[in-house]
N, C-alpha and C. Protein backbone atom coordinates (compact mmCIF):
# COMPACT_ATOMS: atom_id res chain seq x y z
N MET A 1 37.64 -32.06 -21.64
CA MET A 1 36.85 -31.05 -22.33
C MET A 1 35.37 -31.20 -21.99
N GLU A 2 34.90 -32.48 -21.87
CA GLU A 2 33.50 -32.72 -21.56
C GLU A 2 33.15 -32.18 -20.17
N LYS A 3 34.14 -32.27 -19.21
CA LYS A 3 33.92 -31.75 -17.86
C LYS A 3 33.72 -30.24 -17.90
N ILE A 4 34.49 -29.55 -18.71
CA ILE A 4 34.38 -28.09 -18.83
C ILE A 4 33.03 -27.71 -19.39
N ASP A 5 32.56 -28.39 -20.44
CA ASP A 5 31.26 -28.10 -21.03
C ASP A 5 30.14 -28.34 -20.03
N SER A 6 30.23 -29.42 -19.28
CA SER A 6 29.21 -29.73 -18.26
C SER A 6 29.20 -28.64 -17.19
N HIS A 7 30.37 -28.24 -16.74
CA HIS A 7 30.48 -27.18 -15.74
C HIS A 7 29.94 -25.86 -16.28
N ARG A 8 30.27 -25.54 -17.52
CA ARG A 8 29.79 -24.31 -18.16
C ARG A 8 28.27 -24.31 -18.25
N ARG A 9 27.67 -25.45 -18.64
CA ARG A 9 26.20 -25.57 -18.73
C ARG A 9 25.56 -25.32 -17.37
N LYS A 10 26.14 -25.91 -16.33
CA LYS A 10 25.59 -25.73 -14.98
C LYS A 10 25.64 -24.25 -14.58
N LEU A 11 26.77 -23.61 -14.85
CA LEU A 11 26.90 -22.19 -14.53
C LEU A 11 25.88 -21.35 -15.29
N LEU A 12 25.70 -21.64 -16.57
CA LEU A 12 24.72 -20.91 -17.37
C LEU A 12 23.31 -21.12 -16.84
N LEU A 13 22.97 -22.36 -16.48
CA LEU A 13 21.65 -22.64 -15.93
C LEU A 13 21.44 -21.91 -14.62
N LEU A 14 22.43 -21.97 -13.72
CA LEU A 14 22.32 -21.27 -12.44
C LEU A 14 22.22 -19.76 -12.64
N GLY A 15 23.01 -19.23 -13.55
CA GLY A 15 22.96 -17.80 -13.83
C GLY A 15 21.61 -17.38 -14.37
N SER A 16 21.05 -18.18 -15.27
CA SER A 16 19.73 -17.88 -15.83
C SER A 16 18.66 -17.95 -14.75
N ALA A 17 18.74 -18.97 -13.90
CA ALA A 17 17.76 -19.12 -12.82
C ALA A 17 17.86 -17.93 -11.86
N ALA A 18 19.07 -17.54 -11.51
CA ALA A 18 19.26 -16.41 -10.59
C ALA A 18 18.71 -15.12 -11.20
N ALA A 19 18.95 -14.91 -12.48
CA ALA A 19 18.43 -13.71 -13.15
C ALA A 19 16.91 -13.72 -13.14
N GLY A 20 16.31 -14.86 -13.40
CA GLY A 20 14.85 -14.96 -13.40
C GLY A 20 14.27 -14.72 -12.03
N ILE A 21 14.88 -15.30 -11.01
CA ILE A 21 14.39 -15.12 -9.64
C ILE A 21 14.54 -13.68 -9.19
N SER A 22 15.63 -13.04 -9.59
CA SER A 22 15.83 -11.65 -9.17
C SER A 22 14.77 -10.71 -9.72
N CYS A 23 14.12 -11.10 -10.79
CA CYS A 23 13.07 -10.26 -11.39
C CYS A 23 11.74 -10.38 -10.66
N LEU A 24 11.52 -11.48 -9.93
CA LEU A 24 10.24 -11.72 -9.29
C LEU A 24 9.81 -10.62 -8.32
N PRO A 25 10.66 -10.16 -7.38
CA PRO A 25 10.20 -9.13 -6.46
C PRO A 25 9.84 -7.83 -7.15
N HIS A 26 10.30 -7.65 -8.37
CA HIS A 26 10.05 -6.40 -9.06
C HIS A 26 8.79 -6.45 -9.93
N PHE A 27 8.02 -7.56 -9.82
CA PHE A 27 6.78 -7.68 -10.58
C PHE A 27 5.85 -6.50 -10.32
N ALA A 28 5.67 -6.19 -9.04
CA ALA A 28 4.76 -5.10 -8.68
C ALA A 28 5.29 -3.76 -9.17
N GLN A 29 6.62 -3.57 -9.11
CA GLN A 29 7.20 -2.32 -9.60
C GLN A 29 6.99 -2.19 -11.10
N ALA A 30 7.11 -3.32 -11.82
CA ALA A 30 6.92 -3.29 -13.27
C ALA A 30 5.50 -2.87 -13.62
N SER A 31 4.53 -3.22 -12.77
CA SER A 31 3.15 -2.83 -13.06
C SER A 31 2.98 -1.32 -13.02
N LEU A 32 3.89 -0.62 -12.34
CA LEU A 32 3.81 0.84 -12.29
C LEU A 32 4.57 1.49 -13.43
N SER A 33 5.45 0.75 -14.08
CA SER A 33 6.24 1.35 -15.15
C SER A 33 5.49 1.38 -16.48
N THR A 34 4.37 0.69 -16.55
CA THR A 34 3.59 0.73 -17.78
C THR A 34 2.78 2.02 -17.83
N SER A 35 2.47 2.47 -19.02
CA SER A 35 1.77 3.75 -19.17
C SER A 35 0.26 3.55 -19.27
N ARG A 36 -0.30 2.88 -18.28
CA ARG A 36 -1.74 2.72 -18.26
C ARG A 36 -2.31 3.48 -17.06
N PRO A 37 -3.56 3.85 -17.13
CA PRO A 37 -4.17 4.56 -16.00
C PRO A 37 -4.21 3.70 -14.74
N ARG A 38 -4.12 4.37 -13.61
CA ARG A 38 -4.24 3.70 -12.31
C ARG A 38 -5.51 4.21 -11.65
N ILE A 39 -6.39 3.27 -11.36
CA ILE A 39 -7.71 3.61 -10.81
C ILE A 39 -7.87 2.90 -9.47
N LEU A 40 -8.38 3.63 -8.50
CA LEU A 40 -8.71 3.06 -7.19
C LEU A 40 -10.20 3.21 -6.94
N THR A 41 -10.78 2.19 -6.36
CA THR A 41 -12.16 2.22 -5.90
C THR A 41 -12.10 2.00 -4.39
N LEU A 42 -12.67 2.94 -3.64
CA LEU A 42 -12.56 2.90 -2.19
C LEU A 42 -13.89 3.14 -1.50
N ASN A 43 -14.01 2.60 -0.31
CA ASN A 43 -15.11 2.90 0.60
C ASN A 43 -14.48 3.38 1.90
N ASN A 44 -15.02 4.44 2.48
CA ASN A 44 -14.56 4.91 3.78
C ASN A 44 -15.52 4.34 4.81
N ILE A 45 -15.05 3.41 5.64
CA ILE A 45 -15.96 2.72 6.56
C ILE A 45 -16.46 3.64 7.68
N ASN A 46 -15.81 4.78 7.88
CA ASN A 46 -16.22 5.71 8.94
C ASN A 46 -17.25 6.73 8.48
N THR A 47 -17.15 7.15 7.22
CA THR A 47 -18.05 8.19 6.72
C THR A 47 -19.14 7.64 5.81
N GLY A 48 -18.97 6.40 5.35
CA GLY A 48 -19.93 5.81 4.42
C GLY A 48 -19.73 6.27 2.98
N GLU A 49 -18.71 7.08 2.72
CA GLU A 49 -18.45 7.57 1.38
C GLU A 49 -17.78 6.51 0.51
N SER A 50 -18.04 6.60 -0.78
CA SER A 50 -17.38 5.75 -1.77
C SER A 50 -16.75 6.66 -2.82
N LEU A 51 -15.68 6.17 -3.44
CA LEU A 51 -14.97 6.98 -4.43
C LEU A 51 -14.28 6.07 -5.43
N LYS A 52 -14.37 6.46 -6.69
CA LYS A 52 -13.59 5.83 -7.75
C LYS A 52 -12.76 6.95 -8.37
N ALA A 53 -11.42 6.78 -8.35
CA ALA A 53 -10.55 7.85 -8.81
C ALA A 53 -9.44 7.31 -9.71
N GLU A 54 -9.29 7.94 -10.88
CA GLU A 54 -8.17 7.65 -11.77
C GLU A 54 -7.08 8.65 -11.42
N PHE A 55 -6.25 8.29 -10.44
CA PHE A 55 -5.27 9.24 -9.90
C PHE A 55 -4.03 9.39 -10.77
N PHE A 56 -3.82 8.46 -11.69
CA PHE A 56 -2.69 8.53 -12.62
C PHE A 56 -3.22 8.19 -13.99
N ASN A 57 -3.00 9.07 -14.98
CA ASN A 57 -3.64 8.90 -16.28
C ASN A 57 -2.81 8.09 -17.28
N GLY A 58 -1.70 7.54 -16.82
CA GLY A 58 -0.82 6.79 -17.71
C GLY A 58 0.48 7.52 -17.95
N LYS A 59 0.49 8.83 -17.70
CA LYS A 59 1.70 9.63 -17.88
C LYS A 59 2.02 10.47 -16.65
N THR A 60 0.98 11.05 -16.04
CA THR A 60 1.19 11.92 -14.88
C THR A 60 0.08 11.71 -13.86
N TYR A 61 0.34 12.20 -12.64
CA TYR A 61 -0.70 12.19 -11.62
C TYR A 61 -1.74 13.24 -12.00
N ASN A 62 -2.98 12.94 -11.71
CA ASN A 62 -4.09 13.82 -12.02
C ASN A 62 -4.40 14.68 -10.79
N PRO A 63 -4.06 15.98 -10.80
CA PRO A 63 -4.23 16.84 -9.63
C PRO A 63 -5.67 16.88 -9.08
N SER A 64 -6.66 16.93 -9.96
CA SER A 64 -8.04 17.00 -9.45
C SER A 64 -8.45 15.69 -8.77
N GLU A 65 -7.96 14.56 -9.28
CA GLU A 65 -8.27 13.28 -8.65
C GLU A 65 -7.50 13.13 -7.33
N LEU A 66 -6.27 13.63 -7.30
CA LEU A 66 -5.51 13.62 -6.05
C LEU A 66 -6.22 14.46 -4.99
N ALA A 67 -6.78 15.59 -5.40
CA ALA A 67 -7.53 16.44 -4.46
C ALA A 67 -8.75 15.70 -3.93
N ARG A 68 -9.44 14.97 -4.79
CA ARG A 68 -10.59 14.16 -4.34
C ARG A 68 -10.15 13.09 -3.35
N LEU A 69 -9.01 12.45 -3.63
CA LEU A 69 -8.48 11.43 -2.72
C LEU A 69 -8.04 12.06 -1.39
N ASN A 70 -7.42 13.24 -1.44
CA ASN A 70 -7.03 13.94 -0.21
C ASN A 70 -8.26 14.17 0.68
N HIS A 71 -9.35 14.60 0.07
CA HIS A 71 -10.59 14.81 0.83
C HIS A 71 -11.12 13.50 1.38
N PHE A 72 -11.08 12.46 0.59
CA PHE A 72 -11.58 11.15 1.00
C PHE A 72 -10.76 10.60 2.18
N PHE A 73 -9.44 10.85 2.18
CA PHE A 73 -8.54 10.36 3.23
C PHE A 73 -8.46 11.31 4.42
N ARG A 74 -9.28 12.34 4.45
CA ARG A 74 -9.21 13.38 5.48
C ARG A 74 -9.42 12.81 6.88
N ASP A 75 -9.03 13.61 7.87
CA ASP A 75 -9.34 13.30 9.27
C ASP A 75 -10.80 13.70 9.47
N TYR A 76 -11.69 12.73 9.41
CA TYR A 76 -13.13 13.02 9.48
C TYR A 76 -13.53 13.50 10.87
N ARG A 77 -12.75 13.16 11.90
CA ARG A 77 -13.07 13.58 13.26
C ARG A 77 -12.89 15.09 13.41
N ALA A 78 -11.80 15.60 12.83
CA ALA A 78 -11.47 17.02 12.93
C ALA A 78 -11.84 17.78 11.66
N GLU A 79 -12.33 17.06 10.64
CA GLU A 79 -12.63 17.64 9.32
C GLU A 79 -11.44 18.42 8.78
N LYS A 80 -10.26 17.78 8.85
CA LYS A 80 -9.04 18.39 8.32
C LYS A 80 -8.55 17.58 7.13
N ILE A 81 -8.17 18.30 6.08
CA ILE A 81 -7.67 17.69 4.86
C ILE A 81 -6.17 17.95 4.79
N HIS A 82 -5.44 16.96 4.35
CA HIS A 82 -3.99 17.07 4.20
C HIS A 82 -3.60 16.39 2.90
N ALA A 83 -2.57 16.89 2.25
CA ALA A 83 -2.09 16.24 1.02
C ALA A 83 -1.55 14.86 1.36
N ILE A 84 -2.04 13.86 0.65
CA ILE A 84 -1.59 12.48 0.83
C ILE A 84 -0.48 12.22 -0.17
N ASP A 85 0.56 11.54 0.28
CA ASP A 85 1.68 11.17 -0.59
C ASP A 85 1.14 10.31 -1.73
N PRO A 86 1.27 10.74 -2.99
CA PRO A 86 0.77 9.94 -4.12
C PRO A 86 1.36 8.54 -4.19
N HIS A 87 2.56 8.36 -3.61
CA HIS A 87 3.16 7.02 -3.61
C HIS A 87 2.35 6.04 -2.77
N LEU A 88 1.59 6.55 -1.80
CA LEU A 88 0.71 5.68 -1.02
C LEU A 88 -0.37 5.10 -1.93
N PHE A 89 -0.88 5.92 -2.85
CA PHE A 89 -1.87 5.43 -3.81
C PHE A 89 -1.23 4.43 -4.77
N ASP A 90 0.04 4.67 -5.14
CA ASP A 90 0.76 3.70 -5.96
C ASP A 90 0.88 2.37 -5.22
N HIS A 91 1.20 2.43 -3.93
CA HIS A 91 1.34 1.20 -3.13
C HIS A 91 0.04 0.40 -3.13
N ILE A 92 -1.07 1.07 -2.88
CA ILE A 92 -2.34 0.33 -2.78
C ILE A 92 -2.76 -0.19 -4.16
N TYR A 93 -2.48 0.59 -5.20
CA TYR A 93 -2.75 0.13 -6.55
C TYR A 93 -1.92 -1.11 -6.86
N ARG A 94 -0.64 -1.07 -6.51
CA ARG A 94 0.26 -2.19 -6.74
C ARG A 94 -0.23 -3.45 -6.00
N LEU A 95 -0.73 -3.24 -4.78
CA LEU A 95 -1.28 -4.37 -4.02
C LEU A 95 -2.45 -5.00 -4.75
N GLN A 96 -3.33 -4.17 -5.29
CA GLN A 96 -4.47 -4.70 -6.03
C GLN A 96 -4.01 -5.50 -7.24
N VAL A 97 -2.98 -5.03 -7.93
CA VAL A 97 -2.44 -5.76 -9.08
C VAL A 97 -1.89 -7.10 -8.63
N MET A 98 -1.11 -7.09 -7.55
CA MET A 98 -0.52 -8.32 -7.05
C MET A 98 -1.59 -9.33 -6.62
N LEU A 99 -2.65 -8.82 -6.00
CA LEU A 99 -3.71 -9.69 -5.51
C LEU A 99 -4.76 -10.00 -6.58
N GLU A 100 -4.55 -9.42 -7.76
CA GLU A 100 -5.44 -9.63 -8.91
C GLU A 100 -6.90 -9.36 -8.54
N THR A 101 -7.13 -8.17 -7.95
CA THR A 101 -8.48 -7.80 -7.57
C THR A 101 -8.75 -6.34 -7.91
N ARG A 102 -9.99 -6.07 -8.18
CA ARG A 102 -10.46 -4.69 -8.34
C ARG A 102 -11.55 -4.40 -7.32
N LYS A 103 -11.63 -5.25 -6.30
CA LYS A 103 -12.60 -5.05 -5.23
C LYS A 103 -12.27 -3.76 -4.49
N PRO A 104 -13.28 -3.11 -3.93
CA PRO A 104 -13.04 -1.84 -3.24
C PRO A 104 -12.11 -1.97 -2.03
N ILE A 105 -11.29 -0.97 -1.87
CA ILE A 105 -10.43 -0.82 -0.69
C ILE A 105 -11.34 -0.26 0.41
N GLN A 106 -11.32 -0.89 1.56
CA GLN A 106 -12.11 -0.43 2.70
C GLN A 106 -11.18 0.39 3.61
N LEU A 107 -11.25 1.72 3.50
CA LEU A 107 -10.37 2.61 4.27
C LEU A 107 -10.84 2.70 5.71
N VAL A 108 -9.97 2.35 6.63
CA VAL A 108 -10.24 2.45 8.06
C VAL A 108 -9.71 3.78 8.59
N SER A 109 -8.50 4.14 8.16
CA SER A 109 -7.89 5.39 8.61
C SER A 109 -6.90 5.88 7.56
N GLY A 110 -6.98 7.16 7.26
CA GLY A 110 -6.03 7.79 6.35
C GLY A 110 -5.25 8.84 7.12
N PHE A 111 -5.39 10.11 6.72
CA PHE A 111 -4.73 11.20 7.43
C PHE A 111 -5.35 11.36 8.81
N ARG A 112 -4.50 11.63 9.80
CA ARG A 112 -4.96 11.97 11.15
C ARG A 112 -4.22 13.22 11.59
N SER A 113 -4.96 14.20 12.08
CA SER A 113 -4.32 15.39 12.65
C SER A 113 -3.57 14.95 13.90
N ILE A 114 -2.65 15.77 14.34
CA ILE A 114 -1.89 15.45 15.55
C ILE A 114 -2.84 15.33 16.75
N ALA A 115 -3.84 16.21 16.81
CA ALA A 115 -4.80 16.15 17.92
C ALA A 115 -5.57 14.82 17.90
N THR A 116 -6.02 14.40 16.73
CA THR A 116 -6.73 13.13 16.63
C THR A 116 -5.80 11.97 16.98
N ASN A 117 -4.58 12.02 16.49
CA ASN A 117 -3.62 10.96 16.77
C ASN A 117 -3.36 10.86 18.28
N ASN A 118 -3.18 12.02 18.93
CA ASN A 118 -2.95 12.02 20.38
C ASN A 118 -4.17 11.49 21.13
N HIS A 119 -5.36 11.85 20.67
CA HIS A 119 -6.59 11.35 21.29
C HIS A 119 -6.65 9.82 21.18
N LEU A 120 -6.36 9.29 20.00
CA LEU A 120 -6.39 7.84 19.80
C LEU A 120 -5.31 7.14 20.62
N ARG A 121 -4.16 7.78 20.78
CA ARG A 121 -3.09 7.21 21.60
C ARG A 121 -3.52 7.09 23.05
N GLY A 122 -4.36 8.01 23.50
CA GLY A 122 -4.81 8.01 24.89
C GLY A 122 -5.86 6.96 25.20
N ARG A 123 -6.47 6.42 24.17
CA ARG A 123 -7.50 5.38 24.37
C ARG A 123 -6.84 4.01 24.45
N SER A 124 -7.22 3.22 25.41
CA SER A 124 -6.58 1.92 25.61
C SER A 124 -6.78 0.99 24.42
N ALA A 125 -7.90 1.11 23.72
CA ALA A 125 -8.17 0.22 22.58
C ALA A 125 -7.25 0.52 21.40
N HIS A 126 -6.60 1.66 21.41
CA HIS A 126 -5.71 2.05 20.30
C HIS A 126 -4.27 2.17 20.77
N SER A 127 -3.82 1.23 21.60
CA SER A 127 -2.47 1.31 22.14
C SER A 127 -1.40 1.19 21.06
N GLY A 128 -1.77 0.73 19.86
CA GLY A 128 -0.81 0.60 18.77
C GLY A 128 -0.60 1.88 17.99
N VAL A 129 -1.20 2.99 18.41
CA VAL A 129 -1.06 4.26 17.69
C VAL A 129 0.28 4.89 18.03
N ALA A 130 1.10 5.11 17.03
CA ALA A 130 2.45 5.67 17.24
C ALA A 130 2.38 7.16 17.54
N LYS A 131 3.26 7.62 18.40
CA LYS A 131 3.31 9.04 18.76
C LYS A 131 3.63 9.90 17.52
N HIS A 132 4.59 9.44 16.72
CA HIS A 132 4.97 10.17 15.51
C HIS A 132 4.52 9.35 14.30
N SER A 133 3.21 9.21 14.17
CA SER A 133 2.61 8.36 13.14
C SER A 133 2.75 8.95 11.73
N TYR A 134 2.98 8.07 10.77
CA TYR A 134 2.99 8.50 9.37
C TYR A 134 1.60 8.95 8.92
N HIS A 135 0.57 8.60 9.67
CA HIS A 135 -0.78 9.09 9.36
C HIS A 135 -0.83 10.61 9.45
N THR A 136 -0.08 11.19 10.40
CA THR A 136 -0.11 12.65 10.59
C THR A 136 0.64 13.39 9.49
N LEU A 137 1.38 12.65 8.67
CA LEU A 137 2.12 13.25 7.56
C LEU A 137 1.45 12.99 6.21
N GLY A 138 0.32 12.29 6.24
CA GLY A 138 -0.35 11.93 4.98
C GLY A 138 0.39 10.84 4.23
N GLN A 139 1.07 9.98 4.97
CA GLN A 139 1.88 8.94 4.34
C GLN A 139 1.46 7.53 4.77
N ALA A 140 0.27 7.36 5.35
CA ALA A 140 -0.13 6.05 5.84
C ALA A 140 -1.63 5.83 5.70
N MET A 141 -1.99 4.56 5.64
CA MET A 141 -3.39 4.20 5.64
C MET A 141 -3.57 2.84 6.31
N ASP A 142 -4.73 2.66 6.94
CA ASP A 142 -5.15 1.38 7.49
C ASP A 142 -6.35 0.95 6.66
N PHE A 143 -6.41 -0.32 6.26
CA PHE A 143 -7.43 -0.76 5.31
C PHE A 143 -7.56 -2.27 5.29
N HIS A 144 -8.59 -2.73 4.65
CA HIS A 144 -8.70 -4.11 4.21
C HIS A 144 -9.34 -4.08 2.84
N ILE A 145 -9.28 -5.20 2.14
CA ILE A 145 -9.85 -5.27 0.79
C ILE A 145 -10.98 -6.27 0.80
N GLU A 146 -12.13 -5.80 0.38
CA GLU A 146 -13.33 -6.63 0.33
C GLU A 146 -13.04 -7.96 -0.37
N GLY A 147 -13.36 -9.06 0.30
CA GLY A 147 -13.24 -10.38 -0.31
C GLY A 147 -11.85 -10.98 -0.33
N ILE A 148 -10.85 -10.30 0.22
CA ILE A 148 -9.48 -10.82 0.24
C ILE A 148 -9.08 -11.05 1.70
N ALA A 149 -8.57 -12.25 1.99
CA ALA A 149 -8.13 -12.56 3.35
C ALA A 149 -7.08 -11.55 3.80
N LEU A 150 -7.24 -11.05 5.01
CA LEU A 150 -6.32 -10.05 5.55
C LEU A 150 -4.88 -10.56 5.55
N SER A 151 -4.70 -11.83 5.83
CA SER A 151 -3.34 -12.41 5.83
C SER A 151 -2.73 -12.36 4.43
N ASN A 152 -3.54 -12.49 3.39
CA ASN A 152 -3.03 -12.40 2.02
C ASN A 152 -2.66 -10.96 1.65
N VAL A 153 -3.43 -10.02 2.16
CA VAL A 153 -3.10 -8.60 1.94
C VAL A 153 -1.75 -8.30 2.58
N ARG A 154 -1.57 -8.78 3.81
CA ARG A 154 -0.30 -8.57 4.52
C ARG A 154 0.87 -9.20 3.75
N LYS A 155 0.70 -10.44 3.31
CA LYS A 155 1.77 -11.13 2.57
C LYS A 155 2.16 -10.35 1.32
N ALA A 156 1.17 -9.87 0.58
CA ALA A 156 1.45 -9.11 -0.64
C ALA A 156 2.17 -7.81 -0.31
N ALA A 157 1.73 -7.13 0.76
CA ALA A 157 2.37 -5.87 1.16
C ALA A 157 3.83 -6.11 1.55
N LEU A 158 4.09 -7.20 2.25
CA LEU A 158 5.48 -7.52 2.63
C LEU A 158 6.33 -7.82 1.40
N LYS A 159 5.75 -8.50 0.41
CA LYS A 159 6.49 -8.83 -0.82
C LYS A 159 6.89 -7.57 -1.59
N MET A 160 6.11 -6.51 -1.47
CA MET A 160 6.45 -5.27 -2.17
C MET A 160 7.75 -4.67 -1.65
N ASN A 161 8.05 -4.91 -0.37
CA ASN A 161 9.28 -4.39 0.23
C ASN A 161 9.37 -2.87 0.04
N ALA A 162 8.25 -2.20 0.32
CA ALA A 162 8.17 -0.75 0.13
C ALA A 162 7.41 -0.13 1.30
N GLY A 163 8.11 0.56 2.18
CA GLY A 163 7.45 1.22 3.30
C GLY A 163 7.14 0.28 4.44
N GLY A 164 6.35 0.79 5.38
CA GLY A 164 5.98 0.02 6.56
C GLY A 164 4.73 -0.81 6.33
N VAL A 165 4.68 -1.96 7.01
CA VAL A 165 3.52 -2.85 6.94
C VAL A 165 3.21 -3.31 8.37
N GLY A 166 2.01 -2.96 8.83
CA GLY A 166 1.55 -3.40 10.14
C GLY A 166 0.36 -4.32 9.96
N TYR A 167 0.27 -5.34 10.81
CA TYR A 167 -0.79 -6.35 10.70
C TYR A 167 -1.62 -6.34 11.98
N TYR A 168 -2.91 -6.05 11.83
CA TYR A 168 -3.82 -5.94 12.96
C TYR A 168 -5.06 -6.81 12.73
N PRO A 169 -4.91 -8.14 12.82
CA PRO A 169 -6.04 -9.02 12.52
C PRO A 169 -7.23 -8.85 13.48
N LYS A 170 -6.98 -8.53 14.74
CA LYS A 170 -8.09 -8.34 15.70
C LYS A 170 -8.93 -7.12 15.34
N SER A 171 -8.30 -6.12 14.74
CA SER A 171 -9.01 -4.90 14.32
C SER A 171 -9.39 -4.94 12.84
N ASN A 172 -9.03 -6.02 12.15
CA ASN A 172 -9.36 -6.26 10.75
C ASN A 172 -8.80 -5.21 9.80
N PHE A 173 -7.50 -4.90 9.96
CA PHE A 173 -6.88 -4.03 8.97
C PHE A 173 -5.38 -4.28 8.87
N VAL A 174 -4.84 -3.86 7.72
CA VAL A 174 -3.41 -3.82 7.47
C VAL A 174 -3.04 -2.35 7.35
N HIS A 175 -1.90 -2.00 7.90
CA HIS A 175 -1.37 -0.64 7.80
C HIS A 175 -0.26 -0.66 6.75
N ILE A 176 -0.26 0.30 5.84
CA ILE A 176 0.89 0.51 4.95
C ILE A 176 1.25 1.98 5.00
N ASP A 177 2.53 2.26 4.77
CA ASP A 177 2.96 3.66 4.71
C ASP A 177 4.13 3.78 3.75
N THR A 178 4.52 5.02 3.49
CA THR A 178 5.60 5.29 2.54
C THR A 178 6.91 5.62 3.26
N GLY A 179 6.99 5.26 4.53
CA GLY A 179 8.22 5.44 5.29
C GLY A 179 9.23 4.37 4.98
N PRO A 180 10.24 4.21 5.84
CA PRO A 180 11.26 3.18 5.63
C PRO A 180 10.65 1.78 5.65
N VAL A 181 11.33 0.83 5.03
CA VAL A 181 10.86 -0.56 5.01
C VAL A 181 11.00 -1.15 6.42
N ARG A 182 9.89 -1.65 6.95
CA ARG A 182 9.83 -2.30 8.25
C ARG A 182 8.49 -2.98 8.38
N HIS A 183 8.32 -3.86 9.35
CA HIS A 183 7.01 -4.50 9.55
C HIS A 183 6.84 -4.89 11.02
N TRP A 184 5.58 -5.05 11.41
CA TRP A 184 5.23 -5.41 12.78
C TRP A 184 3.85 -6.03 12.78
N SER A 185 3.56 -6.69 13.91
CA SER A 185 2.23 -7.31 14.10
C SER A 185 1.66 -6.87 15.43
């Protein structure tokens, strides 16, 4: 009987540990399930613009703030604005929560028109530009976060297990998108 109780205790302990561990990857998702406002502070390193936007008010996305973010993420080369997938803003917000920072996001690239994307693909310095980039769909961004090591941003993005994550340390940015889960360096 004592052997059965010992075995039962071990099973209960293992089951409890497994349940606890299974909750860890969902920490970032849980931060989105709370009904609090989501605010982003960003700098666009190409235009010099800064923006603070409460894109989610705790219950719904805020259309006027999303419009401001769409303009901020525009293709500044072609002066074209495109609707950005709001889940991209959720991803970057979630990253800030995981990294425990409210430091500004330094936007390197948001939306890119097909013409701009093709132009960048033709330049040797941008050989990593995909022909069918999620940037052209308003579903991707390249960025770094002021005061946070780029490698830590990458690690946090990979832990989210949501969309694509590209790591470009020589160019000082991380790419995230709302496409399928994948990663590259």
